[in-house]
Amino acid sequence: MTGPIALPGAPLPLSTTTPPAPDEAPPEIRRAAEEFESVFLSQMLAPMFEGIQTDGLGGGGMGEEIFRPMLIERYAQSLTQAGGIGIADSIMRELMRMQETAVPPQEAADGAAG
């Protein structure tokens, strides 16, 4: 048997390698992490606008019902581009860590290790 034994309820051993800083992440990973944070923020902001009534000149009606979700999405994107709340950095570190882990060998169609 190799490696430490994890007891039930005991914390898992930490990796000995540290993942690269978020600034060193490839652009694809950064973009995916920022999109995730933007979607998350959009979902968190949406309930704030549900009870707002906007009647009068230029407000309310079908047009606002259609465009309000788009406005909330733009608010979330702006927040993310301005630094966000730290979710994108955590996601980038995790994606980079996952990318560095070794992939186990594939099994053959007959079930034998390849």
PDB file of N, CA and C in Angstrom:
ATOM      1  N   MET A   1       0.849  -1.170   0.000  1.00  0.00           N
ATOM      2  CA  MET A   1       0.000   0.000   0.000  1.00  0.00           C
ATOM      3  C   MET A   1       0.894   1.232   0.000  1.00  0.00           C
ATOM      4  N   THR A   2       0.565   2.226  -0.817  1.00  0.00           N
ATOM      5  CA  THR A   2       1.367   3.439  -0.865  1.00  0.00           C
ATOM      6  C   THR A   2       0.546   4.617  -0.408  1.00  0.00           C
ATOM      7  N   GLY A   3       1.206   5.611   0.167  1.00  0.00           N
ATOM      8  CA  GLY A   3       0.525   6.828   0.575  1.00  0.00           C
ATOM      9  C   GLY A   3      -0.105   6.709   1.946  1.00  0.00           C
ATOM     10  N   PRO A   4      -0.517   7.844   2.502  1.00  0.00           N
ATOM     11  CA  PRO A   4      -1.111   7.839   3.838  1.00  0.00           C
ATOM     12  C   PRO A   4      -2.511   7.250   3.818  1.00  0.00           C
ATOM     13  N   ILE A   5      -2.919   6.728   4.951  1.00  0.00           N
ATOM     14  CA  ILE A   5      -4.259   6.165   5.107  1.00  0.00           C
ATOM     15  C   ILE A   5      -5.145   7.258   5.698  1.00  0.00           C
ATOM     16  N   ALA A   6      -6.292   7.485   5.063  1.00  0.00           N
ATOM     17  CA  ALA A   6      -7.222   8.492   5.558  1.00  0.00           C
ATOM     18  C   ALA A   6      -8.269   7.820   6.434  1.00  0.00           C
ATOM     19  N   LEU A   7      -8.350   8.251   7.678  1.00  0.00           N
ATOM     20  CA  LEU A   7      -9.348   7.728   8.592  1.00  0.00           C
ATOM     21  C   LEU A   7     -10.669   8.441   8.358  1.00  0.00           C
ATOM     22  N   PRO A   8     -11.806   7.780   8.636  1.00  0.00           N
ATOM     23  CA  PRO A   8     -13.093   8.453   8.458  1.00  0.00           C
ATOM     24  C   PRO A   8     -13.156   9.710   9.325  1.00  0.00           C
ATOM     25  N   GLY A   9     -13.555  10.802   8.722  1.00  0.00           N
ATOM     26  CA  GLY A   9     -13.694  12.057   9.440  1.00  0.00           C
ATOM     27  C   GLY A   9     -12.399  12.849   9.521  1.00  0.00           C
ATOM     28  N   ALA A  10     -11.267  12.240   9.142  1.00  0.00           N
ATOM     29  CA  ALA A  10      -9.985  12.941   9.178  1.00  0.00           C
ATOM     30  C   ALA A  10      -9.831  13.765   7.903  1.00  0.00           C
ATOM     31  N   PRO A  11      -9.155  14.907   7.993  1.00  0.00           N
ATOM     32  CA  PRO A  11      -8.957  15.709   6.782  1.00  0.00           C
ATOM     33  C   PRO A  11      -8.061  14.978   5.800  1.00  0.00           C
ATOM     34  N   LEU A  12      -8.318  15.189   4.525  1.00  0.00           N
ATOM     35  CA  LEU A  12      -7.504  14.572   3.483  1.00  0.00           C
ATOM     36  C   LEU A  12      -6.140  15.243   3.449  1.00  0.00           C
ATOM     37  N   PRO A  13      -5.092  14.496   3.121  1.00  0.00           N
ATOM     38  CA  PRO A  13      -3.769  15.110   3.042  1.00  0.00           C
ATOM     39  C   PRO A  13      -3.722  16.145   1.928  1.00  0.00           C
ATOM     40  N   LEU A  14      -3.006  17.231   2.177  1.00  0.00           N
ATOM     41  CA  LEU A  14      -2.884  18.286   1.187  1.00  0.00           C
ATOM     42  C   LEU A  14      -1.851  17.920   0.150  1.00  0.00           C
ATOM     43  N   SER A  15      -2.036  18.432  -1.047  1.00  0.00           N
ATOM     44  CA  SER A  15      -1.081  18.196  -2.123  1.00  0.00           C
ATOM     45  C   SER A  15       0.228  18.893  -1.780  1.00  0.00           C
ATOM     46  N   THR A  16       1.334  18.280  -2.158  1.00  0.00           N
ATOM     47  CA  THR A  16       2.635  18.874  -1.885  1.00  0.00           C
ATOM     48  C   THR A  16       3.004  19.932  -2.908  1.00  0.00           C
ATOM     49  N   THR A  17       2.339  19.938  -4.044  1.00  0.00           N
ATOM     50  CA  THR A  17       2.613  20.960  -5.044  1.00  0.00           C
ATOM     51  C   THR A  17       1.559  22.044  -4.948  1.00  0.00           C
ATOM     52  N   THR A  18       1.988  23.267  -5.124  1.00  0.00           N
ATOM     53  CA  THR A  18       1.041  24.370  -5.091  1.00  0.00           C
ATOM     54  C   THR A  18       0.631  24.704  -6.515  1.00  0.00           C
ATOM     55  N   PRO A  19      -0.653  24.953  -6.718  1.00  0.00           N
ATOM     56  CA  PRO A  19      -1.096  25.293  -8.072  1.00  0.00           C
ATOM     57  C   PRO A  19      -0.559  26.658  -8.467  1.00  0.00           C
ATOM     58  N   PRO A  20      -0.427  26.909  -9.750  1.00  0.00           N
ATOM     59  CA  PRO A  20       0.083  28.199 -10.202  1.00  0.00           C
ATOM     60  C   PRO A  20      -0.865  29.320  -9.803  1.00  0.00           C
ATOM     61  N   ALA A  21      -0.311  30.507  -9.728  1.00  0.00           N
ATOM     62  CA  ALA A  21      -1.117  31.684  -9.397  1.00  0.00           C
ATOM     63  C   ALA A  21      -2.132  31.932 -10.507  1.00  0.00           C
ATOM     64  N   PRO A  22      -3.276  32.561 -10.170  1.00  0.00           N
ATOM     65  CA  PRO A  22      -4.290  32.840 -11.197  1.00  0.00           C
ATOM     66  C   PRO A  22      -3.757  33.658 -12.367  1.00  0.00           C
ATOM     67  N   ASP A  23      -2.729  34.482 -12.125  1.00  0.00           N
ATOM     68  CA  ASP A  23      -2.169  35.280 -13.219  1.00  0.00           C
ATOM     69  C   ASP A  23      -1.467  34.413 -14.256  1.00  0.00           C
ATOM     70  N   GLU A  24      -1.046  33.203 -13.864  1.00  0.00           N
ATOM     71  CA  GLU A  24      -0.324  32.311 -14.764  1.00  0.00           C
ATOM     72  C   GLU A  24      -1.259  31.348 -15.505  1.00  0.00           C
ATOM     73  N   ALA A  25      -2.543  31.448 -15.276  1.00  0.00           N
ATOM     74  CA  ALA A  25      -3.505  30.536 -15.894  1.00  0.00           C
ATOM     75  C   ALA A  25      -3.653  30.852 -17.384  1.00  0.00           C
ATOM     76  N   PRO A  26      -3.839  29.811 -18.205  1.00  0.00           N
ATOM     77  CA  PRO A  26      -4.088  30.043 -19.640  1.00  0.00           C
ATOM     78  C   PRO A  26      -5.362  30.872 -19.831  1.00  0.00           C
ATOM     79  N   PRO A  27      -5.433  31.632 -20.923  1.00  0.00           N
ATOM     80  CA  PRO A  27      -6.598  32.496 -21.149  1.00  0.00           C
ATOM     81  C   PRO A  27      -7.924  31.737 -21.189  1.00  0.00           C
ATOM     82  N   GLU A  28      -7.911  30.490 -21.676  1.00  0.00           N
ATOM     83  CA  GLU A  28      -9.164  29.715 -21.745  1.00  0.00           C
ATOM     84  C   GLU A  28      -9.693  29.429 -20.346  1.00  0.00           C
ATOM     85  N   ILE A  29      -8.788  29.094 -19.431  1.00  0.00           N
ATOM     86  CA  ILE A  29      -9.213  28.804 -18.055  1.00  0.00           C
ATOM     87  C   ILE A  29      -9.690  30.077 -17.383  1.00  0.00           C
ATOM     88  N   ARG A  30      -8.974  31.178 -17.592  1.00  0.00           N
ATOM     89  CA  ARG A  30      -9.393  32.458 -17.008  1.00  0.00           C
ATOM     90  C   ARG A  30     -10.784  32.842 -17.515  1.00  0.00           C
ATOM     91  N   ARG A  31     -11.014  32.704 -18.814  1.00  0.00           N
ATOM     92  CA  ARG A  31     -12.314  33.075 -19.392  1.00  0.00           C
ATOM     93  C   ARG A  31     -13.434  32.209 -18.821  1.00  0.00           C
ATOM     94  N   ALA A  32     -13.200  30.891 -18.719  1.00  0.00           N
ATOM     95  CA  ALA A  32     -14.228  29.997 -18.175  1.00  0.00           C
ATOM     96  C   ALA A  32     -14.528  30.335 -16.722  1.00  0.00           C
ATOM     97  N   ALA A  33     -13.496  30.616 -15.942  1.00  0.00           N
ATOM     98  CA  ALA A  33     -13.698  30.947 -14.526  1.00  0.00           C
ATOM     99  C   ALA A  33     -14.452  32.265 -14.375  1.00  0.00           C
ATOM    100  N   GLU A  34     -14.120  33.250 -15.199  1.00  0.00           N
ATOM    101  CA  GLU A  34     -14.809  34.538 -15.123  1.00  0.00           C
ATOM    102  C   GLU A  34     -16.254  34.416 -15.589  1.00  0.00           C
ATOM    103  N   GLU A  35     -16.508  33.594 -16.602  1.00  0.00           N
ATOM    104  CA  GLU A  35     -17.894  33.375 -17.037  1.00  0.00           C
ATOM    105  C   GLU A  35     -18.708  32.718 -15.938  1.00  0.00           C
ATOM    106  N   PHE A  36     -18.106  31.744 -15.238  1.00  0.00           N
ATOM    107  CA  PHE A  36     -18.808  31.096 -14.137  1.00  0.00           C
ATOM    108  C   PHE A  36     -19.137  32.110 -13.049  1.00  0.00           C
ATOM    109  N   GLU A  37     -18.159  32.951 -12.685  1.00  0.00           N
ATOM    110  CA  GLU A  37     -18.410  33.958 -11.648  1.00  0.00           C
ATOM    111  C   GLU A  37     -19.496  34.929 -12.096  1.00  0.00           C
ATOM    112  N   SER A  38     -19.493  35.302 -13.361  1.00  0.00           N
ATOM    113  CA  SER A  38     -20.500  36.215 -13.875  1.00  0.00           C
ATOM    114  C   SER A  38     -21.900  35.609 -13.799  1.00  0.00           C
ATOM    115  N   VAL A  39     -22.021  34.341 -14.162  1.00  0.00           N
ATOM    116  CA  VAL A  39     -23.325  33.659 -14.080  1.00  0.00           C
ATOM    117  C   VAL A  39     -23.771  33.563 -12.619  1.00  0.00           C
ATOM    118  N   PHE A  40     -22.840  33.228 -11.735  1.00  0.00           N
ATOM    119  CA  PHE A  40     -23.161  33.140 -10.310  1.00  0.00           C
ATOM    120  C   PHE A  40     -23.652  34.489  -9.785  1.00  0.00           C
ATOM    121  N   LEU A  41     -22.931  35.564 -10.105  1.00  0.00           N
ATOM    122  CA  LEU A  41     -23.340  36.888  -9.647  1.00  0.00           C
ATOM    123  C   LEU A  41     -24.690  37.285 -10.225  1.00  0.00           C
ATOM    124  N   SER A  42     -24.937  36.926 -11.471  1.00  0.00           N
ATOM    125  CA  SER A  42     -26.222  37.222 -12.093  1.00  0.00           C
ATOM    126  C   SER A  42     -27.360  36.550 -11.332  1.00  0.00           C
ATOM    127  N   GLN A  43     -27.143  35.292 -10.945  1.00  0.00           N
ATOM    128  CA  GLN A  43     -28.164  34.567 -10.190  1.00  0.00           C
ATOM    129  C   GLN A  43     -28.370  35.172  -8.805  1.00  0.00           C
ATOM    130  N   MET A  44     -27.317  35.705  -8.211  1.00  0.00           N
ATOM    131  CA  MET A  44     -27.423  36.317  -6.885  1.00  0.00           C
ATOM    132  C   MET A  44     -28.060  37.708  -6.947  1.00  0.00           C
ATOM    133  N   LEU A  45     -27.849  38.418  -8.051  1.00  0.00           N
ATOM    134  CA  LEU A  45     -28.409  39.759  -8.186  1.00  0.00           C
ATOM    135  C   LEU A  45     -29.883  39.751  -8.583  1.00  0.00           C
ATOM    136  N   ALA A  46     -30.316  38.743  -9.307  1.00  0.00           N
ATOM    137  CA  ALA A  46     -31.682  38.713  -9.842  1.00  0.00           C
ATOM    138  C   ALA A  46     -32.761  38.913  -8.768  1.00  0.00           C
ATOM    139  N   PRO A  47     -32.688  38.245  -7.608  1.00  0.00           N
ATOM    140  CA  PRO A  47     -33.744  38.454  -6.608  1.00  0.00           C
ATOM    141  C   PRO A  47     -33.819  39.887  -6.080  1.00  0.00           C
ATOM    142  N   MET A  48     -32.731  40.627  -6.161  1.00  0.00           N
ATOM    143  CA  MET A  48     -32.751  42.018  -5.691  1.00  0.00           C
ATOM    144  C   MET A  48     -33.688  42.883  -6.523  1.00  0.00           C
ATOM    145  N   PHE A  49     -33.892  42.514  -7.777  1.00  0.00           N
ATOM    146  CA  PHE A  49     -34.681  43.335  -8.678  1.00  0.00           C
ATOM    147  C   PHE A  49     -36.116  42.837  -8.839  1.00  0.00           C
ATOM    148  N   GLU A  50     -36.464  41.712  -8.225  1.00  0.00           N
ATOM    149  CA  GLU A  50     -37.801  41.142  -8.418  1.00  0.00           C
ATOM    150  C   GLU A  50     -38.909  42.027  -7.872  1.00  0.00           C
ATOM    151  N   GLY A  51     -38.707  42.680  -6.770  1.00  0.00           N
ATOM    152  CA  GLY A  51     -39.776  43.464  -6.153  1.00  0.00           C
ATOM    153  C   GLY A  51     -39.830  44.906  -6.584  1.00  0.00           C
ATOM    154  N   ILE A  52     -38.939  45.322  -7.472  1.00  0.00           N
ATOM    155  CA  ILE A  52     -38.898  46.723  -7.889  1.00  0.00           C
ATOM    156  C   ILE A  52     -39.998  46.990  -8.912  1.00  0.00           C
ATOM    157  N   GLN A  53     -40.839  47.956  -8.608  1.00  0.00           N
ATOM    158  CA  GLN A  53     -41.900  48.367  -9.522  1.00  0.00           C
ATOM    159  C   GLN A  53     -41.453  49.643 -10.220  1.00  0.00           C
ATOM    160  N   THR A  54     -41.479  49.657 -11.532  1.00  0.00           N
ATOM    161  CA  THR A  54     -41.074  50.852 -12.282  1.00  0.00           C
ATOM    162  C   THR A  54     -42.174  51.199 -13.271  1.00  0.00           C
ATOM    163  N   ASP A  55     -43.082  52.016 -12.840  1.00  0.00           N
ATOM    164  CA  ASP A  55     -44.134  52.497 -13.725  1.00  0.00           C
ATOM    165  C   ASP A  55     -43.818  53.934 -14.095  1.00  0.00           C
ATOM    166  N   GLY A  56     -44.402  54.378 -15.152  1.00  0.00           N
ATOM    167  CA  GLY A  56     -44.201  55.759 -15.558  1.00  0.00           C
ATOM    168  C   GLY A  56     -43.484  55.848 -16.878  1.00  0.00           C
ATOM    169  N   LEU A  57     -43.103  57.050 -17.210  1.00  0.00           N
ATOM    170  CA  LEU A  57     -42.471  57.320 -18.490  1.00  0.00           C
ATOM    171  C   LEU A  57     -41.146  56.563 -18.610  1.00  0.00           C
ATOM    172  N   GLY A  58     -41.050  55.689 -19.592  1.00  0.00           N
ATOM    173  CA  GLY A  58     -39.827  54.948 -19.850  1.00  0.00           C
ATOM    174  C   GLY A  58     -39.580  53.772 -18.934  1.00  0.00           C
ATOM    175  N   GLY A  59     -40.509  53.445 -18.081  1.00  0.00           N
ATOM    176  CA  GLY A  59     -40.285  52.344 -17.160  1.00  0.00           C
ATOM    177  C   GLY A  59     -41.456  51.397 -17.148  1.00  0.00           C
ATOM    178  N   GLY A  60     -41.221  50.195 -16.694  1.00  0.00           N
ATOM    179  CA  GLY A  60     -42.277  49.209 -16.561  1.00  0.00           C
ATOM    180  C   GLY A  60     -42.678  48.597 -17.894  1.00  0.00           C
ATOM    181  N   GLY A  61     -43.684  47.790 -17.827  1.00  0.00           N
ATOM    182  CA  GLY A  61     -44.230  47.191 -19.023  1.00  0.00           C
ATOM    183  C   GLY A  61     -43.465  45.988 -19.518  1.00  0.00           C
ATOM    184  N   MET A  62     -43.879  45.528 -20.693  1.00  0.00           N
ATOM    185  CA  MET A  62     -43.304  44.341 -21.311  1.00  0.00           C
ATOM    186  C   MET A  62     -41.830  44.543 -21.651  1.00  0.00           C
ATOM    187  N   GLY A  63     -41.475  45.740 -22.112  1.00  0.00           N
ATOM    188  CA  GLY A  63     -40.086  46.014 -22.477  1.00  0.00           C
ATOM    189  C   GLY A  63     -39.141  45.812 -21.305  1.00  0.00           C
ATOM    190  N   GLU A  64     -39.520  46.297 -20.149  1.00  0.00           N
ATOM    191  CA  GLU A  64     -38.651  46.133 -18.988  1.00  0.00           C
ATOM    192  C   GLU A  64     -38.577  44.669 -18.559  1.00  0.00           C
ATOM    193  N   GLU A  65     -39.673  43.958 -18.655  1.00  0.00           N
ATOM    194  CA  GLU A  65     -39.655  42.536 -18.311  1.00  0.00           C
ATOM    195  C   GLU A  65     -38.684  41.770 -19.203  1.00  0.00           C
ATOM    196  N   ILE A  66     -38.586  42.187 -20.457  1.00  0.00           N
ATOM    197  CA  ILE A  66     -37.697  41.510 -21.395  1.00  0.00           C
ATOM    198  C   ILE A  66     -36.241  41.905 -21.151  1.00  0.00           C
ATOM    199  N   PHE A  67     -35.993  43.182 -20.891  1.00  0.00           N
ATOM    200  CA  PHE A  67     -34.613  43.668 -20.823  1.00  0.00           C
ATOM    201  C   PHE A  67     -33.995  43.632 -19.428  1.00  0.00           C
ATOM    202  N   ARG A  68     -34.771  43.487 -18.380  1.00  0.00           N
ATOM    203  CA  ARG A  68     -34.205  43.466 -17.032  1.00  0.00           C
ATOM    204  C   ARG A  68     -33.204  42.324 -16.833  1.00  0.00           C
ATOM    205  N   PRO A  69     -33.514  41.092 -17.262  1.00  0.00           N
ATOM    206  CA  PRO A  69     -32.502  40.028 -17.104  1.00  0.00           C
ATOM    207  C   PRO A  69     -31.192  40.342 -17.836  1.00  0.00           C
ATOM    208  N   MET A  70     -31.294  41.012 -18.990  1.00  0.00           N
ATOM    209  CA  MET A  70     -30.077  41.386 -19.717  1.00  0.00           C
ATOM    210  C   MET A  70     -29.283  42.433 -18.943  1.00  0.00           C
ATOM    211  N   LEU A  71     -29.978  43.367 -18.316  1.00  0.00           N
ATOM    212  CA  LEU A  71     -29.319  44.387 -17.518  1.00  0.00           C
ATOM    213  C   LEU A  71     -28.617  43.754 -16.311  1.00  0.00           C
ATOM    214  N   ILE A  72     -29.276  42.830 -15.657  1.00  0.00           N
ATOM    215  CA  ILE A  72     -28.682  42.137 -14.518  1.00  0.00           C
ATOM    216  C   ILE A  72     -27.449  41.363 -14.957  1.00  0.00           C
ATOM    217  N   GLU A  73     -27.520  40.736 -16.122  1.00  0.00           N
ATOM    218  CA  GLU A  73     -26.370  40.000 -16.646  1.00  0.00           C
ATOM    219  C   GLU A  73     -25.194  40.944 -16.898  1.00  0.00           C
ATOM    220  N   ARG A  74     -25.464  42.126 -17.442  1.00  0.00           N
ATOM    221  CA  ARG A  74     -24.401  43.113 -17.677  1.00  0.00           C
ATOM    222  C   ARG A  74     -23.826  43.621 -16.360  1.00  0.00           C
ATOM    223  N   TYR A  75     -24.672  43.811 -15.344  1.00  0.00           N
ATOM    224  CA  TYR A  75     -24.167  44.198 -14.021  1.00  0.00           C
ATOM    225  C   TYR A  75     -23.188  43.133 -13.517  1.00  0.00           C
ATOM    226  N   ALA A  76     -23.566  41.868 -13.648  1.00  0.00           N
ATOM    227  CA  ALA A  76     -22.718  40.770 -13.178  1.00  0.00           C
ATOM    228  C   ALA A  76     -21.407  40.737 -13.950  1.00  0.00           C
ATOM    229  N   GLN A  77     -21.462  40.926 -15.267  1.00  0.00           N
ATOM    230  CA  GLN A  77     -20.234  40.947 -16.066  1.00  0.00           C
ATOM    231  C   GLN A  77     -19.338  42.110 -15.666  1.00  0.00           C
ATOM    232  N   SER A  78     -19.927  43.258 -15.403  1.00  0.00           N
ATOM    233  CA  SER A  78     -19.145  44.422 -14.983  1.00  0.00           C
ATOM    234  C   SER A  78     -18.480  44.177 -13.635  1.00  0.00           C
ATOM    235  N   LEU A  79     -19.225  43.583 -12.713  1.00  0.00           N
ATOM    236  CA  LEU A  79     -18.649  43.260 -11.412  1.00  0.00           C
ATOM    237  C   LEU A  79     -17.475  42.292 -11.551  1.00  0.00           C
ATOM    238  N   THR A  80     -17.627  41.296 -12.403  1.00  0.00           N
ATOM    239  CA  THR A  80     -16.565  40.315 -12.614  1.00  0.00           C
ATOM    240  C   THR A  80     -15.337  40.977 -13.224  1.00  0.00           C
ATOM    241  N   GLN A  81     -15.543  41.830 -14.220  1.00  0.00           N
ATOM    242  CA  GLN A  81     -14.413  42.507 -14.877  1.00  0.00           C
ATOM    243  C   GLN A  81     -13.712  43.474 -13.932  1.00  0.00           C
ATOM    244  N   ALA A  82     -14.425  43.978 -12.942  1.00  0.00           N
ATOM    245  CA  ALA A  82     -13.835  44.913 -11.975  1.00  0.00           C
ATOM    246  C   ALA A  82     -13.134  44.187 -10.831  1.00  0.00           C
ATOM    247  N   GLY A  83     -13.031  42.880 -10.908  1.00  0.00           N
ATOM    248  CA  GLY A  83     -12.343  42.119  -9.870  1.00  0.00           C
ATOM    249  C   GLY A  83     -13.219  41.087  -9.208  1.00  0.00           C
ATOM    250  N   GLY A  84     -14.516  41.197  -9.375  1.00  0.00           N
ATOM    251  CA  GLY A  84     -15.435  40.202  -8.844  1.00  0.00           C
ATOM    252  C   GLY A  84     -15.375  40.054  -7.341  1.00  0.00           C
ATOM    253  N   ILE A  85     -15.762  38.872  -6.883  1.00  0.00           N
ATOM    254  CA  ILE A  85     -15.777  38.594  -5.443  1.00  0.00           C
ATOM    255  C   ILE A  85     -14.825  37.465  -5.088  1.00  0.00           C
ATOM    256  N   GLY A  86     -13.965  37.078  -6.032  1.00  0.00           N
ATOM    257  CA  GLY A  86     -12.940  36.081  -5.752  1.00  0.00           C
ATOM    258  C   GLY A  86     -13.264  34.672  -6.200  1.00  0.00           C
ATOM    259  N   ILE A  87     -14.429  34.463  -6.735  1.00  0.00           N
ATOM    260  CA  ILE A  87     -14.812  33.116  -7.166  1.00  0.00           C
ATOM    261  C   ILE A  87     -13.961  32.682  -8.361  1.00  0.00           C
ATOM    262  N   ALA A  88     -13.735  33.584  -9.312  1.00  0.00           N
ATOM    263  CA  ALA A  88     -12.982  33.223 -10.513  1.00  0.00           C
ATOM    264  C   ALA A  88     -11.563  32.779 -10.160  1.00  0.00           C
ATOM    265  N   ASP A  89     -10.921  33.458  -9.211  1.00  0.00           N
ATOM    266  CA  ASP A  89      -9.562  33.068  -8.820  1.00  0.00           C
ATOM    267  C   ASP A  89      -9.549  31.668  -8.221  1.00  0.00           C
ATOM    268  N   SER A  90     -10.522  31.372  -7.372  1.00  0.00           N
ATOM    269  CA  SER A  90     -10.594  30.039  -6.771  1.00  0.00           C
ATOM    270  C   SER A  90     -10.846  28.965  -7.824  1.00  0.00           C
ATOM    271  N   ILE A  91     -11.707  29.260  -8.772  1.00  0.00           N
ATOM    272  CA  ILE A  91     -12.005  28.302  -9.834  1.00  0.00           C
ATOM    273  C   ILE A  91     -10.778  28.084 -10.711  1.00  0.00           C
ATOM    274  N   MET A  92     -10.049  29.151 -11.021  1.00  0.00           N
ATOM    275  CA  MET A  92      -8.838  29.006 -11.838  1.00  0.00           C
ATOM    276  C   MET A  92      -7.806  28.134 -11.125  1.00  0.00           C
ATOM    277  N   ARG A  93      -7.614  28.363  -9.833  1.00  0.00           N
ATOM    278  CA  ARG A  93      -6.654  27.536  -9.091  1.00  0.00           C
ATOM    279  C   ARG A  93      -7.073  26.075  -9.111  1.00  0.00           C
ATOM    280  N   GLU A  94      -8.359  25.818  -8.917  1.00  0.00           N
ATOM    281  CA  GLU A  94      -8.840  24.436  -8.905  1.00  0.00           C
ATOM    282  C   GLU A  94      -8.717  23.792 -10.279  1.00  0.00           C
ATOM    283  N   LEU A  95      -9.051  24.514 -11.334  1.00  0.00           N
ATOM    284  CA  LEU A  95      -8.917  23.965 -12.687  1.00  0.00           C
ATOM    285  C   LEU A  95      -7.458  23.670 -13.015  1.00  0.00           C
ATOM    286  N   MET A  96      -6.566  24.550 -12.600  1.00  0.00           N
ATOM    287  CA  MET A  96      -5.141  24.316 -12.839  1.00  0.00           C
ATOM    288  C   MET A  96      -4.659  23.100 -12.043  1.00  0.00           C
ATOM    289  N   ARG A  97      -5.122  22.956 -10.804  1.00  0.00           N
ATOM    290  CA  ARG A  97      -4.740  21.818  -9.983  1.00  0.00           C
ATOM    291  C   ARG A  97      -5.251  20.527 -10.612  1.00  0.00           C
ATOM    292  N   MET A  98      -6.487  20.535 -11.091  1.00  0.00           N
ATOM    293  CA  MET A  98      -7.058  19.348 -11.721  1.00  0.00           C
ATOM    294  C   MET A  98      -6.301  18.993 -12.996  1.00  0.00           C
ATOM    295  N   GLN A  99      -5.858  20.001 -13.711  1.00  0.00           N
ATOM    296  CA  GLN A  99      -5.150  19.775 -14.964  1.00  0.00           C
ATOM    297  C   GLN A  99      -3.784  19.128 -14.717  1.00  0.00           C
ATOM    298  N   GLU A 100      -3.192  19.392 -13.558  1.00  0.00           N
ATOM    299  CA  GLU A 100      -1.870  18.859 -13.250  1.00  0.00           C
ATOM    300  C   GLU A 100      -1.895  17.445 -12.698  1.00  0.00           C
ATOM    301  N   THR A 101      -3.041  16.973 -12.232  1.00  0.00           N
ATOM    302  CA  THR A 101      -3.096  15.638 -11.645  1.00  0.00           C
ATOM    303  C   THR A 101      -2.916  14.583 -12.726  1.00  0.00           C
ATOM    304  N   ALA A 102      -2.345  13.475 -12.336  1.00  0.00           N
ATOM    305  CA  ALA A 102      -2.101  12.394 -13.284  1.00  0.00           C
ATOM    306  C   ALA A 102      -3.406  11.708 -13.645  1.00  0.00           C
ATOM    307  N   VAL A 103      -3.526  11.334 -14.889  1.00  0.00           N
ATOM    308  CA  VAL A 103      -4.701  10.621 -15.372  1.00  0.00           C
ATOM    309  C   VAL A 103      -4.393   9.124 -15.296  1.00  0.00           C
ATOM    310  N   PRO A 104      -5.270   8.319 -14.648  1.00  0.00           N
ATOM    311  CA  PRO A 104      -5.005   6.878 -14.562  1.00  0.00           C
ATOM    312  C   PRO A 104      -5.040   6.241 -15.948  1.00  0.00           C
ATOM    313  N   PRO A 105      -4.320   5.130 -16.133  1.00  0.00           N
ATOM    314  CA  PRO A 105      -4.310   4.470 -17.444  1.00  0.00           C
ATOM    315  C   PRO A 105      -5.720   3.994 -17.818  1.00  0.00           C
ATOM    316  N   GLN A 106      -6.007   4.030 -19.090  1.00  0.00           N
ATOM    317  CA  GLN A 106      -7.306   3.599 -19.586  1.00  0.00           C
ATOM    318  C   GLN A 106      -7.385   2.067 -19.573  1.00  0.00           C
ATOM    319  N   GLU A 107      -8.578   1.572 -19.281  1.00  0.00           N
ATOM    320  CA  GLU A 107      -8.776   0.117 -19.327  1.00  0.00           C
ATOM    321  C   GLU A 107      -9.139  -0.288 -20.739  1.00  0.00           C
ATOM    322  N   ALA A 108      -8.686  -1.453 -21.099  1.00  0.00           N
ATOM    323  CA  ALA A 108      -9.017  -2.019 -22.411  1.00  0.00           C
ATOM    324  C   ALA A 108     -10.489  -2.431 -22.400  1.00  0.00           C
ATOM    325  N   ALA A 109     -11.009  -2.720 -23.582  1.00  0.00           N
ATOM    326  CA  ALA A 109     -12.402  -3.115 -23.705  1.00  0.00           C
ATOM    327  C   ALA A 109     -12.702  -4.394 -22.915  1.00  0.00           C
ATOM    328  N   ASP A 110     -11.683  -5.275 -22.724  1.00  0.00           N
ATOM    329  CA  ASP A 110     -11.915  -6.514 -21.986  1.00  0.00           C
ATOM    330  C   ASP A 110     -11.756  -6.335 -20.480  1.00  0.00           C
ATOM    331  N   GLY A 111     -11.484  -5.092 -20.033  1.00  0.00           N
ATOM    332  CA  GLY A 111     -11.371  -4.825 -18.605  1.00  0.00           C
ATOM    333  C   GLY A 111      -9.945  -4.868 -18.083  1.00  0.00           C
ATOM    334  N   ALA A 112      -9.012  -5.267 -18.923  1.00  0.00           N
ATOM    335  CA  ALA A 112      -7.606  -5.299 -18.496  1.00  0.00           C
ATOM    336  C   ALA A 112      -7.015  -3.905 -18.579  1.00  0.00           C
ATOM    337  N   ALA A 113      -6.137  -3.611 -17.640  1.00  0.00           N
ATOM    338  CA  ALA A 113      -5.480  -2.305 -17.647  1.00  0.00           C
ATOM    339  C   ALA A 113      -4.575  -2.204 -18.861  1.00  0.00           C
ATOM    340  N   GLY A 114      -4.539  -1.003 -19.482  1.00  0.00           N
ATOM    341  CA  GLY A 114      -3.774  -0.837 -20.707  1.00  0.00           C
ATOM    342  C   GLY A 114      -2.511  -0.124 -20.556  1.00  0.00           C
TER     343      GLY A 114
END
